[in-house]
Amino acid sequence: MIEDPFIGQAITLASQGAQKPSIGDRTRSVNDPDAAAKDFEAFFISQMMDQMFAGLATDGLFGGGQAEKVFRGMLNQEYGKAIAEQGGFGLGAMVSRELIGLQEQANQAQ
């Protein structure tokens, strides 16, 4: 079980949600713990990359401005999806195990 309350709450919210955005060509639902875990890992990676690139200076003539901020965020989202689709760094597997455990507990309680 995950000890961190923030991660535990995020997993609980993810398991109670409706439809999640698609990764690749497949539509995913939180009823599929592996898909929800991969979506969570993609989001986490994109947020991490946003922080990683936040302090970078932009080019002078054709760079910078509000548009670059928007498109950099979109690019980081796509990087996060691609990295998670290729296996990520293991966070998705841990979240998936936790979601399956929560589903088993809910089924046993009923």
PDB file of N, CA and C in Angstrom:
ATOM      1  N   MET A   1       0.837  -1.184   0.000  1.00  0.00           N
ATOM      2  CA  MET A   1       0.000   0.000   0.000  1.00  0.00           C
ATOM      3  C   MET A   1       0.881   1.246   0.000  1.00  0.00           C
ATOM      4  N   ILE A   2       0.381   2.305  -0.589  1.00  0.00           N
ATOM      5  CA  ILE A   2       1.120   3.556  -0.672  1.00  0.00           C
ATOM      6  C   ILE A   2       0.871   4.348   0.602  1.00  0.00           C
ATOM      7  N   GLU A   3       1.954   4.805   1.231  1.00  0.00           N
ATOM      8  CA  GLU A   3       1.873   5.526   2.494  1.00  0.00           C
ATOM      9  C   GLU A   3       1.599   7.021   2.316  1.00  0.00           C
ATOM     10  N   ASP A   4       2.056   7.609   1.223  1.00  0.00           N
ATOM     11  CA  ASP A   4       1.926   9.047   1.007  1.00  0.00           C
ATOM     12  C   ASP A   4       0.449   9.414   0.814  1.00  0.00           C
ATOM     13  N   PRO A   5      -0.113  10.317   1.649  1.00  0.00           N
ATOM     14  CA  PRO A   5      -1.541  10.634   1.524  1.00  0.00           C
ATOM     15  C   PRO A   5      -1.899  11.330   0.214  1.00  0.00           C
ATOM     16  N   PHE A   6      -0.990  12.138  -0.337  1.00  0.00           N
ATOM     17  CA  PHE A   6      -1.278  12.827  -1.593  1.00  0.00           C
ATOM     18  C   PHE A   6      -1.442  11.828  -2.732  1.00  0.00           C
ATOM     19  N   ILE A   7      -0.509  10.880  -2.828  1.00  0.00           N
ATOM     20  CA  ILE A   7      -0.584   9.878  -3.888  1.00  0.00           C
ATOM     21  C   ILE A   7      -1.794   8.981  -3.673  1.00  0.00           C
ATOM     22  N   GLY A   8      -2.056   8.614  -2.421  1.00  0.00           N
ATOM     23  CA  GLY A   8      -3.228   7.797  -2.130  1.00  0.00           C
ATOM     24  C   GLY A   8      -4.512   8.489  -2.540  1.00  0.00           C
ATOM     25  N   GLN A   9      -4.604   9.795  -2.274  1.00  0.00           N
ATOM     26  CA  GLN A   9      -5.799  10.557  -2.653  1.00  0.00           C
ATOM     27  C   GLN A   9      -5.903  10.654  -4.173  1.00  0.00           C
ATOM     28  N   ALA A  10      -4.786  10.859  -4.850  1.00  0.00           N
ATOM     29  CA  ALA A  10      -4.808  10.940  -6.313  1.00  0.00           C
ATOM     30  C   ALA A  10      -5.269   9.619  -6.919  1.00  0.00           C
ATOM     31  N   ILE A  11      -4.816   8.514  -6.348  1.00  0.00           N
ATOM     32  CA  ILE A  11      -5.226   7.200  -6.847  1.00  0.00           C
ATOM     33  C   ILE A  11      -6.714   6.995  -6.609  1.00  0.00           C
ATOM     34  N   THR A  12      -7.197   7.386  -5.434  1.00  0.00           N
ATOM     35  CA  THR A  12      -8.617   7.243  -5.126  1.00  0.00           C
ATOM     36  C   THR A  12      -9.458   8.063  -6.096  1.00  0.00           C
ATOM     37  N   LEU A  13      -9.054   9.301  -6.354  1.00  0.00           N
ATOM     38  CA  LEU A  13      -9.792  10.146  -7.295  1.00  0.00           C
ATOM     39  C   LEU A  13      -9.749   9.564  -8.700  1.00  0.00           C
ATOM     40  N   ALA A  14      -8.602   9.022  -9.096  1.00  0.00           N
ATOM     41  CA  ALA A  14      -8.486   8.425 -10.427  1.00  0.00           C
ATOM     42  C   ALA A  14      -9.389   7.209 -10.556  1.00  0.00           C
ATOM     43  N   SER A  15      -9.525   6.442  -9.471  1.00  0.00           N
ATOM     44  CA  SER A  15     -10.354   5.239  -9.543  1.00  0.00           C
ATOM     45  C   SER A  15     -11.842   5.567  -9.543  1.00  0.00           C
ATOM     46  N   GLN A  16     -12.223   6.788  -9.130  1.00  0.00           N
ATOM     47  CA  GLN A  16     -13.626   7.176  -9.083  1.00  0.00           C
ATOM     48  C   GLN A  16     -14.058   8.010 -10.281  1.00  0.00           C
ATOM     49  N   GLY A  17     -13.132   8.391 -11.144  1.00  0.00           N
ATOM     50  CA  GLY A  17     -13.449   9.262 -12.275  1.00  0.00           C
ATOM     51  C   GLY A  17     -14.241   8.551 -13.351  1.00  0.00           C
ATOM     52  N   ALA A  18     -14.616   9.307 -14.372  1.00  0.00           N
ATOM     53  CA  ALA A  18     -15.371   8.727 -15.483  1.00  0.00           C
ATOM     54  C   ALA A  18     -14.409   8.381 -16.605  1.00  0.00           C
ATOM     55  N   GLN A  19     -14.509   9.043 -17.727  1.00  0.00           N
ATOM     56  CA  GLN A  19     -13.636   8.765 -18.847  1.00  0.00           C
ATOM     57  C   GLN A  19     -12.336   9.552 -18.716  1.00  0.00           C
ATOM     58  N   LYS A  20     -11.257   8.942 -19.077  1.00  0.00           N
ATOM     59  CA  LYS A  20      -9.959   9.588 -19.106  1.00  0.00           C
ATOM     60  C   LYS A  20      -9.597   9.884 -20.558  1.00  0.00           C
ATOM     61  N   PRO A  21      -8.696  10.851 -20.774  1.00  0.00           N
ATOM     62  CA  PRO A  21      -8.283  11.116 -22.144  1.00  0.00           C
ATOM     63  C   PRO A  21      -7.569   9.905 -22.739  1.00  0.00           C
ATOM     64  N   SER A  22      -7.544   9.851 -24.051  1.00  0.00           N
ATOM     65  CA  SER A  22      -6.922   8.704 -24.693  1.00  0.00           C
ATOM     66  C   SER A  22      -5.423   8.920 -24.823  1.00  0.00           C
ATOM     67  N   ILE A  23      -4.701   7.819 -24.778  1.00  0.00           N
ATOM     68  CA  ILE A  23      -3.270   7.817 -25.053  1.00  0.00           C
ATOM     69  C   ILE A  23      -3.107   6.950 -26.288  1.00  0.00           C
ATOM     70  N   GLY A  24      -2.465   7.470 -27.280  1.00  0.00           N
ATOM     71  CA  GLY A  24      -2.344   6.730 -28.517  1.00  0.00           C
ATOM     72  C   GLY A  24      -3.692   6.689 -29.221  1.00  0.00           C
ATOM     73  N   ASP A  25      -4.060   5.516 -29.728  1.00  0.00           N
ATOM     74  CA  ASP A  25      -5.302   5.379 -30.473  1.00  0.00           C
ATOM     75  C   ASP A  25      -6.402   4.701 -29.669  1.00  0.00           C
ATOM     76  N   ARG A  26      -6.140   4.379 -28.413  1.00  0.00           N
ATOM     77  CA  ARG A  26      -7.121   3.641 -27.619  1.00  0.00           C
ATOM     78  C   ARG A  26      -7.849   4.577 -26.666  1.00  0.00           C
ATOM     79  N   THR A  27      -9.169   4.431 -26.578  1.00  0.00           N
ATOM     80  CA  THR A  27      -9.942   5.174 -25.597  1.00  0.00           C
ATOM     81  C   THR A  27      -9.850   4.400 -24.296  1.00  0.00           C
ATOM     82  N   ARG A  28      -9.570   5.112 -23.225  1.00  0.00           N
ATOM     83  CA  ARG A  28      -9.342   4.443 -21.955  1.00  0.00           C
ATOM     84  C   ARG A  28     -10.383   4.838 -20.932  1.00  0.00           C
ATOM     85  N   SER A  29     -10.663   3.948 -20.037  1.00  0.00           N
ATOM     86  CA  SER A  29     -11.601   4.189 -18.959  1.00  0.00           C
ATOM     87  C   SER A  29     -10.914   3.816 -17.662  1.00  0.00           C
ATOM     88  N   VAL A  30     -11.312   4.452 -16.570  1.00  0.00           N
ATOM     89  CA  VAL A  30     -10.692   4.122 -15.286  1.00  0.00           C
ATOM     90  C   VAL A  30     -11.120   2.752 -14.794  1.00  0.00           C
ATOM     91  N   ASN A  31     -12.056   2.109 -15.464  1.00  0.00           N
ATOM     92  CA  ASN A  31     -12.386   0.740 -15.120  1.00  0.00           C
ATOM     93  C   ASN A  31     -11.240  -0.197 -15.485  1.00  0.00           C
ATOM     94  N   ASP A  32     -10.317   0.285 -16.277  1.00  0.00           N
ATOM     95  CA  ASP A  32      -9.108  -0.454 -16.629  1.00  0.00           C
ATOM     96  C   ASP A  32      -7.959   0.127 -15.810  1.00  0.00           C
ATOM     97  N   PRO A  33      -7.516  -0.563 -14.738  1.00  0.00           N
ATOM     98  CA  PRO A  33      -6.489   0.004 -13.872  1.00  0.00           C
ATOM     99  C   PRO A  33      -5.163   0.271 -14.583  1.00  0.00           C
ATOM    100  N   ASP A  34      -4.816  -0.558 -15.557  1.00  0.00           N
ATOM    101  CA  ASP A  34      -3.565  -0.326 -16.279  1.00  0.00           C
ATOM    102  C   ASP A  34      -3.625   0.955 -17.094  1.00  0.00           C
ATOM    103  N   ALA A  35      -4.772   1.207 -17.720  1.00  0.00           N
ATOM    104  CA  ALA A  35      -4.935   2.427 -18.510  1.00  0.00           C
ATOM    105  C   ALA A  35      -4.926   3.659 -17.609  1.00  0.00           C
ATOM    106  N   ALA A  36      -5.629   3.581 -16.480  1.00  0.00           N
ATOM    107  CA  ALA A  36      -5.656   4.710 -15.546  1.00  0.00           C
ATOM    108  C   ALA A  36      -4.265   4.983 -14.995  1.00  0.00           C
ATOM    109  N   ALA A  37      -3.520   3.924 -14.708  1.00  0.00           N
ATOM    110  CA  ALA A  37      -2.163   4.079 -14.181  1.00  0.00           C
ATOM    111  C   ALA A  37      -1.241   4.709 -15.222  1.00  0.00           C
ATOM    112  N   LYS A  38      -1.395   4.291 -16.477  1.00  0.00           N
ATOM    113  CA  LYS A  38      -0.564   4.863 -17.542  1.00  0.00           C
ATOM    114  C   LYS A  38      -0.901   6.337 -17.755  1.00  0.00           C
ATOM    115  N   ASP A  39      -2.195   6.671 -17.687  1.00  0.00           N
ATOM    116  CA  ASP A  39      -2.608   8.070 -17.803  1.00  0.00           C
ATOM    117  C   ASP A  39      -2.037   8.913 -16.659  1.00  0.00           C
ATOM    118  N   PHE A  40      -2.075   8.353 -15.450  1.00  0.00           N
ATOM    119  CA  PHE A  40      -1.528   9.047 -14.283  1.00  0.00           C
ATOM    120  C   PHE A  40      -0.034   9.268 -14.448  1.00  0.00           C
ATOM    121  N   GLU A  41       0.684   8.240 -14.907  1.00  0.00           N
ATOM    122  CA  GLU A  41       2.125   8.373 -15.104  1.00  0.00           C
ATOM    123  C   GLU A  41       2.433   9.398 -16.194  1.00  0.00           C
ATOM    124  N   ALA A  42       1.655   9.409 -17.275  1.00  0.00           N
ATOM    125  CA  ALA A  42       1.863  10.389 -18.348  1.00  0.00           C
ATOM    126  C   ALA A  42       1.672  11.805 -17.821  1.00  0.00           C
ATOM    127  N   PHE A  43       0.628  12.010 -17.010  1.00  0.00           N
ATOM    128  CA  PHE A  43       0.380  13.322 -16.428  1.00  0.00           C
ATOM    129  C   PHE A  43       1.527  13.721 -15.498  1.00  0.00           C
ATOM    130  N   PHE A  44       1.972  12.792 -14.662  1.00  0.00           N
ATOM    131  CA  PHE A  44       3.059  13.070 -13.730  1.00  0.00           C
ATOM    132  C   PHE A  44       4.335  13.452 -14.479  1.00  0.00           C
ATOM    133  N   ILE A  45       4.657  12.706 -15.518  1.00  0.00           N
ATOM    134  CA  ILE A  45       5.862  12.991 -16.302  1.00  0.00           C
ATOM    135  C   ILE A  45       5.757  14.355 -16.972  1.00  0.00           C
ATOM    136  N   SER A  46       4.583  14.681 -17.518  1.00  0.00           N
ATOM    137  CA  SER A  46       4.441  15.983 -18.178  1.00  0.00           C
ATOM    138  C   SER A  46       4.579  17.126 -17.174  1.00  0.00           C
ATOM    139  N   GLN A  47       4.045  16.957 -15.959  1.00  0.00           N
ATOM    140  CA  GLN A  47       4.205  17.987 -14.932  1.00  0.00           C
ATOM    141  C   GLN A  47       5.663  18.123 -14.521  1.00  0.00           C
ATOM    142  N   MET A  48       6.363  17.009 -14.429  1.00  0.00           N
ATOM    143  CA  MET A  48       7.781  17.031 -14.081  1.00  0.00           C
ATOM    144  C   MET A  48       8.577  17.761 -15.172  1.00  0.00           C
ATOM    145  N   MET A  49       8.226  17.503 -16.424  1.00  0.00           N
ATOM    146  CA  MET A  49       8.930  18.155 -17.529  1.00  0.00           C
ATOM    147  C   MET A  49       8.616  19.647 -17.585  1.00  0.00           C
ATOM    148  N   ASP A  50       7.382  20.039 -17.240  1.00  0.00           N
ATOM    149  CA  ASP A  50       7.045  21.465 -17.167  1.00  0.00           C
ATOM    150  C   ASP A  50       7.979  22.172 -16.192  1.00  0.00           C
ATOM    151  N   GLN A  51       8.205  21.567 -15.053  1.00  0.00           N
ATOM    152  CA  GLN A  51       9.098  22.159 -14.056  1.00  0.00           C
ATOM    153  C   GLN A  51      10.549  22.156 -14.538  1.00  0.00           C
ATOM    154  N   MET A  52      10.925  21.116 -15.231  1.00  0.00           N
ATOM    155  CA  MET A  52      12.297  20.997 -15.711  1.00  0.00           C
ATOM    156  C   MET A  52      12.621  22.084 -16.740  1.00  0.00           C
ATOM    157  N   PHE A  53      11.666  22.404 -17.615  1.00  0.00           N
ATOM    158  CA  PHE A  53      11.901  23.382 -18.666  1.00  0.00           C
ATOM    159  C   PHE A  53      11.479  24.799 -18.287  1.00  0.00           C
ATOM    160  N   ALA A  54      10.960  25.013 -17.084  1.00  0.00           N
ATOM    161  CA  ALA A  54      10.424  26.317 -16.694  1.00  0.00           C
ATOM    162  C   ALA A  54      11.470  27.427 -16.717  1.00  0.00           C
ATOM    163  N   GLY A  55      12.699  27.141 -16.389  1.00  0.00           N
ATOM    164  CA  GLY A  55      13.710  28.181 -16.296  1.00  0.00           C
ATOM    165  C   GLY A  55      14.519  28.410 -17.555  1.00  0.00           C
ATOM    166  N   LEU A  56      14.199  27.743 -18.641  1.00  0.00           N
ATOM    167  CA  LEU A  56      14.986  27.892 -19.863  1.00  0.00           C
ATOM    168  C   LEU A  56      14.666  29.208 -20.558  1.00  0.00           C
ATOM    169  N   ALA A  57      15.705  29.856 -21.035  1.00  0.00           N
ATOM    170  CA  ALA A  57      15.534  31.091 -21.805  1.00  0.00           C
ATOM    171  C   ALA A  57      15.111  30.731 -23.227  1.00  0.00           C
ATOM    172  N   THR A  58      14.396  31.636 -23.885  1.00  0.00           N
ATOM    173  CA  THR A  58      13.931  31.383 -25.247  1.00  0.00           C
ATOM    174  C   THR A  58      14.738  32.205 -26.230  1.00  0.00           C
ATOM    175  N   ASP A  59      14.624  31.841 -27.508  1.00  0.00           N
ATOM    176  CA  ASP A  59      15.317  32.572 -28.569  1.00  0.00           C
ATOM    177  C   ASP A  59      14.785  33.994 -28.654  1.00  0.00           C
ATOM    178  N   GLY A  60      15.542  34.862 -29.253  1.00  0.00           N
ATOM    179  CA  GLY A  60      15.137  36.251 -29.357  1.00  0.00           C
ATOM    180  C   GLY A  60      14.121  36.524 -30.438  1.00  0.00           C
ATOM    181  N   LEU A  61      14.479  36.355 -31.687  1.00  0.00           N
ATOM    182  CA  LEU A  61      13.648  36.796 -32.799  1.00  0.00           C
ATOM    183  C   LEU A  61      12.366  35.975 -32.960  1.00  0.00           C
ATOM    184  N   PHE A  62      12.455  34.660 -32.950  1.00  0.00           N
ATOM    185  CA  PHE A  62      11.278  33.833 -33.201  1.00  0.00           C
ATOM    186  C   PHE A  62      10.809  33.065 -31.969  1.00  0.00           C
ATOM    187  N   GLY A  63      11.356  33.336 -30.837  1.00  0.00           N
ATOM    188  CA  GLY A  63      10.973  32.582 -29.647  1.00  0.00           C
ATOM    189  C   GLY A  63      10.364  33.472 -28.588  1.00  0.00           C
ATOM    190  N   GLY A  64       9.848  32.832 -27.554  1.00  0.00           N
ATOM    191  CA  GLY A  64       9.302  33.555 -26.430  1.00  0.00           C
ATOM    192  C   GLY A  64       7.835  33.887 -26.593  1.00  0.00           C
ATOM    193  N   GLY A  65       7.337  34.592 -25.619  1.00  0.00           N
ATOM    194  CA  GLY A  65       5.950  35.019 -25.673  1.00  0.00           C
ATOM    195  C   GLY A  65       4.986  33.987 -25.122  1.00  0.00           C
ATOM    196  N   GLN A  66       3.702  34.370 -25.116  1.00  0.00           N
ATOM    197  CA  GLN A  66       2.652  33.513 -24.573  1.00  0.00           C
ATOM    198  C   GLN A  66       2.468  32.245 -25.392  1.00  0.00           C
ATOM    199  N   ALA A  67       2.587  32.353 -26.708  1.00  0.00           N
ATOM    200  CA  ALA A  67       2.377  31.184 -27.562  1.00  0.00           C
ATOM    201  C   ALA A  67       3.396  30.093 -27.260  1.00  0.00           C
ATOM    202  N   GLU A  68       4.629  30.483 -27.033  1.00  0.00           N
ATOM    203  CA  GLU A  68       5.638  29.464 -26.734  1.00  0.00           C
ATOM    204  C   GLU A  68       5.335  28.776 -25.410  1.00  0.00           C
ATOM    205  N   LYS A  69       4.845  29.519 -24.432  1.00  0.00           N
ATOM    206  CA  LYS A  69       4.483  28.911 -23.150  1.00  0.00           C
ATOM    207  C   LYS A  69       3.382  27.867 -23.340  1.00  0.00           C
ATOM    208  N   VAL A  70       2.389  28.203 -24.152  1.00  0.00           N
ATOM    209  CA  VAL A  70       1.275  27.284 -24.402  1.00  0.00           C
ATOM    210  C   VAL A  70       1.775  26.048 -25.142  1.00  0.00           C
ATOM    211  N   PHE A  71       2.520  26.261 -26.209  1.00  0.00           N
ATOM    212  CA  PHE A  71       2.966  25.127 -27.012  1.00  0.00           C
ATOM    213  C   PHE A  71       4.002  24.286 -26.288  1.00  0.00           C
ATOM    214  N   ARG A  72       4.806  24.882 -25.435  1.00  0.00           N
ATOM    215  CA  ARG A  72       5.763  24.099 -24.652  1.00  0.00           C
ATOM    216  C   ARG A  72       5.010  23.171 -23.708  1.00  0.00           C
ATOM    217  N   GLY A  73       3.931  23.672 -23.106  1.00  0.00           N
ATOM    218  CA  GLY A  73       3.116  22.816 -22.239  1.00  0.00           C
ATOM    219  C   GLY A  73       2.490  21.663 -23.005  1.00  0.00           C
ATOM    220  N   MET A  74       2.006  21.949 -24.216  1.00  0.00           N
ATOM    221  CA  MET A  74       1.408  20.891 -25.045  1.00  0.00           C
ATOM    222  C   MET A  74       2.465  19.876 -25.458  1.00  0.00           C
ATOM    223  N   LEU A  75       3.651  20.360 -25.781  1.00  0.00           N
ATOM    224  CA  LEU A  75       4.744  19.459 -26.148  1.00  0.00           C
ATOM    225  C   LEU A  75       5.127  18.574 -24.970  1.00  0.00           C
ATOM    226  N   ASN A  76       5.174  19.138 -23.775  1.00  0.00           N
ATOM    227  CA  ASN A  76       5.496  18.344 -22.590  1.00  0.00           C
ATOM    228  C   ASN A  76       4.427  17.292 -22.311  1.00  0.00           C
ATOM    229  N   GLN A  77       3.155  17.610 -22.591  1.00  0.00           N
ATOM    230  CA  GLN A  77       2.095  16.610 -22.434  1.00  0.00           C
ATOM    231  C   GLN A  77       2.315  15.441 -23.386  1.00  0.00           C
ATOM    232  N   GLU A  78       2.668  15.750 -24.610  1.00  0.00           N
ATOM    233  CA  GLU A  78       2.906  14.685 -25.590  1.00  0.00           C
ATOM    234  C   GLU A  78       4.149  13.879 -25.229  1.00  0.00           C
ATOM    235  N   TYR A  79       5.181  14.549 -24.735  1.00  0.00           N
ATOM    236  CA  TYR A  79       6.367  13.816 -24.259  1.00  0.00           C
ATOM    237  C   TYR A  79       5.976  12.873 -23.128  1.00  0.00           C
ATOM    238  N   GLY A  80       5.165  13.361 -22.191  1.00  0.00           N
ATOM    239  CA  GLY A  80       4.726  12.524 -21.075  1.00  0.00           C
ATOM    240  C   GLY A  80       3.959  11.304 -21.550  1.00  0.00           C
ATOM    241  N   LYS A  81       3.049  11.494 -22.519  1.00  0.00           N
ATOM    242  CA  LYS A  81       2.296  10.368 -23.061  1.00  0.00           C
ATOM    243  C   LYS A  81       3.225   9.363 -23.747  1.00  0.00           C
ATOM    244  N   ALA A  82       4.170   9.877 -24.532  1.00  0.00           N
ATOM    245  CA  ALA A  82       5.083   8.994 -25.258  1.00  0.00           C
ATOM    246  C   ALA A  82       5.973   8.208 -24.297  1.00  0.00           C
ATOM    247  N   ILE A  83       6.474   8.864 -23.269  1.00  0.00           N
ATOM    248  CA  ILE A  83       7.335   8.183 -22.303  1.00  0.00           C
ATOM    249  C   ILE A  83       6.548   7.124 -21.542  1.00  0.00           C
ATOM    250  N   ALA A  84       5.335   7.453 -21.125  1.00  0.00           N
ATOM    251  CA  ALA A  84       4.493   6.483 -20.411  1.00  0.00           C
ATOM    252  C   ALA A  84       4.130   5.311 -21.311  1.00  0.00           C
ATOM    253  N   GLU A  85       3.863   5.575 -22.571  1.00  0.00           N
ATOM    254  CA  GLU A  85       3.509   4.523 -23.526  1.00  0.00           C
ATOM    255  C   GLU A  85       4.679   3.557 -23.721  1.00  0.00           C
ATOM    256  N   GLN A  86       5.905   4.059 -23.614  1.00  0.00           N
ATOM    257  CA  GLN A  86       7.096   3.222 -23.787  1.00  0.00           C
ATOM    258  C   GLN A  86       7.527   2.521 -22.506  1.00  0.00           C
ATOM    259  N   GLY A  87       6.759   2.660 -21.442  1.00  0.00           N
ATOM    260  CA  GLY A  87       7.075   1.972 -20.198  1.00  0.00           C
ATOM    261  C   GLY A  87       7.349   2.907 -19.039  1.00  0.00           C
ATOM    262  N   GLY A  88       7.555   4.183 -19.314  1.00  0.00           N
ATOM    263  CA  GLY A  88       7.747   5.158 -18.242  1.00  0.00           C
ATOM    264  C   GLY A  88       8.927   4.825 -17.354  1.00  0.00           C
ATOM    265  N   PHE A  89       8.765   5.134 -16.077  1.00  0.00           N
ATOM    266  CA  PHE A  89       9.828   4.814 -15.133  1.00  0.00           C
ATOM    267  C   PHE A  89       9.323   4.016 -13.940  1.00  0.00           C
ATOM    268  N   GLY A  90       8.206   3.313 -14.115  1.00  0.00           N
ATOM    269  CA  GLY A  90       7.727   2.385 -13.108  1.00  0.00           C
ATOM    270  C   GLY A  90       6.607   2.889 -12.226  1.00  0.00           C
ATOM    271  N   LEU A  91       6.292   4.157 -12.295  1.00  0.00           N
ATOM    272  CA  LEU A  91       5.227   4.699 -11.464  1.00  0.00           C
ATOM    273  C   LEU A  91       3.880   4.104 -11.857  1.00  0.00           C
ATOM    274  N   GLY A  92       3.651   3.921 -13.142  1.00  0.00           N
ATOM    275  CA  GLY A  92       2.393   3.365 -13.618  1.00  0.00           C
ATOM    276  C   GLY A  92       2.140   1.967 -13.086  1.00  0.00           C
ATOM    277  N   ALA A  93       3.169   1.147 -13.024  1.00  0.00           N
ATOM    278  CA  ALA A  93       3.016  -0.219 -12.507  1.00  0.00           C
ATOM    279  C   ALA A  93       2.630  -0.197 -11.029  1.00  0.00           C
ATOM    280  N   MET A  94       3.236   0.705 -10.258  1.00  0.00           N
ATOM    281  CA  MET A  94       2.900   0.800  -8.835  1.00  0.00           C
ATOM    282  C   MET A  94       1.465   1.288  -8.641  1.00  0.00           C
ATOM    283  N   VAL A  95       1.060   2.277  -9.426  1.00  0.00           N
ATOM    284  CA  VAL A  95      -0.299   2.809  -9.320  1.00  0.00           C
ATOM    285  C   VAL A  95      -1.305   1.732  -9.731  1.00  0.00           C
ATOM    286  N   SER A  96      -1.001   0.981 -10.773  1.00  0.00           N
ATOM    287  CA  SER A  96      -1.895  -0.080 -11.227  1.00  0.00           C
ATOM    288  C   SER A  96      -2.093  -1.132 -10.139  1.00  0.00           C
ATOM    289  N   ARG A  97      -1.010  -1.550  -9.500  1.00  0.00           N
ATOM    290  CA  ARG A  97      -1.130  -2.515  -8.396  1.00  0.00           C
ATOM    291  C   ARG A  97      -1.997  -1.967  -7.279  1.00  0.00           C
ATOM    292  N   GLU A  98      -1.828  -0.697  -6.961  1.00  0.00           N
ATOM    293  CA  GLU A  98      -2.621  -0.080  -5.899  1.00  0.00           C
ATOM    294  C   GLU A  98      -4.096  -0.008  -6.286  1.00  0.00           C
ATOM    295  N   LEU A  99      -4.388   0.361  -7.540  1.00  0.00           N
ATOM    296  CA  LEU A  99      -5.776   0.419  -7.991  1.00  0.00           C
ATOM    297  C   LEU A  99      -6.437  -0.955  -7.956  1.00  0.00           C
ATOM    298  N   ILE A 100      -5.721  -1.963  -8.377  1.00  0.00           N
ATOM    299  CA  ILE A 100      -6.261  -3.329  -8.342  1.00  0.00           C
ATOM    300  C   ILE A 100      -6.545  -3.737  -6.907  1.00  0.00           C
ATOM    301  N   GLY A 101      -5.633  -3.395  -5.986  1.00  0.00           N
ATOM    302  CA  GLY A 101      -5.851  -3.691  -4.572  1.00  0.00           C
ATOM    303  C   GLY A 101      -7.077  -2.981  -4.019  1.00  0.00           C
ATOM    304  N   LEU A 102      -7.256  -1.718  -4.403  1.00  0.00           N
ATOM    305  CA  LEU A 102      -8.436  -0.969  -3.958  1.00  0.00           C
ATOM    306  C   LEU A 102      -9.721  -1.564  -4.516  1.00  0.00           C
ATOM    307  N   GLN A 103      -9.672  -1.997  -5.774  1.00  0.00           N
ATOM    308  CA  GLN A 103     -10.850  -2.617  -6.373  1.00  0.00           C
ATOM    309  C   GLN A 103     -11.182  -3.941  -5.681  1.00  0.00           C
ATOM    310  N   GLU A 104     -10.155  -4.718  -5.341  1.00  0.00           N
ATOM    311  CA  GLU A 104     -10.383  -5.982  -4.644  1.00  0.00           C
ATOM    312  C   GLU A 104     -10.989  -5.740  -3.264  1.00  0.00           C
ATOM    313  N   GLN A 105     -10.495  -4.718  -2.558  1.00  0.00           N
ATOM    314  CA  GLN A 105     -11.057  -4.396  -1.241  1.00  0.00           C
ATOM    315  C   GLN A 105     -12.511  -3.969  -1.365  1.00  0.00           C
ATOM    316  N   ALA A 106     -12.821  -3.172  -2.392  1.00  0.00           N
ATOM    317  CA  ALA A 106     -14.205  -2.721  -2.591  1.00  0.00           C
ATOM    318  C   ALA A 106     -15.109  -3.896  -2.921  1.00  0.00           C
ATOM    319  N   ASN A 107     -14.620  -4.836  -3.719  1.00  0.00           N
ATOM    320  CA  ASN A 107     -15.423  -6.010  -4.063  1.00  0.00           C
ATOM    321  C   ASN A 107     -15.656  -6.905  -2.856  1.00  0.00           C
ATOM    322  N   GLN A 108     -14.662  -7.031  -1.988  1.00  0.00           N
ATOM    323  CA  GLN A 108     -14.806  -7.864  -0.794  1.00  0.00           C
ATOM    324  C   GLN A 108     -15.761  -7.227   0.205  1.00  0.00           C
ATOM    325  N   ALA A 109     -15.802  -5.901   0.253  1.00  0.00           N
ATOM    326  CA  ALA A 109     -16.675  -5.196   1.183  1.00  0.00           C
ATOM    327  C   ALA A 109     -18.141  -5.318   0.776  1.00  0.00           C
ATOM    328  N   GLN A 110     -18.401  -5.556  -0.495  1.00  0.00           N
ATOM    329  CA  GLN A 110     -19.787  -5.647  -0.964  1.00  0.00           C
ATOM    330  C   GLN A 110     -20.337  -6.972  -0.704  1.00  0.00           C
TER     331      GLN A 110
END
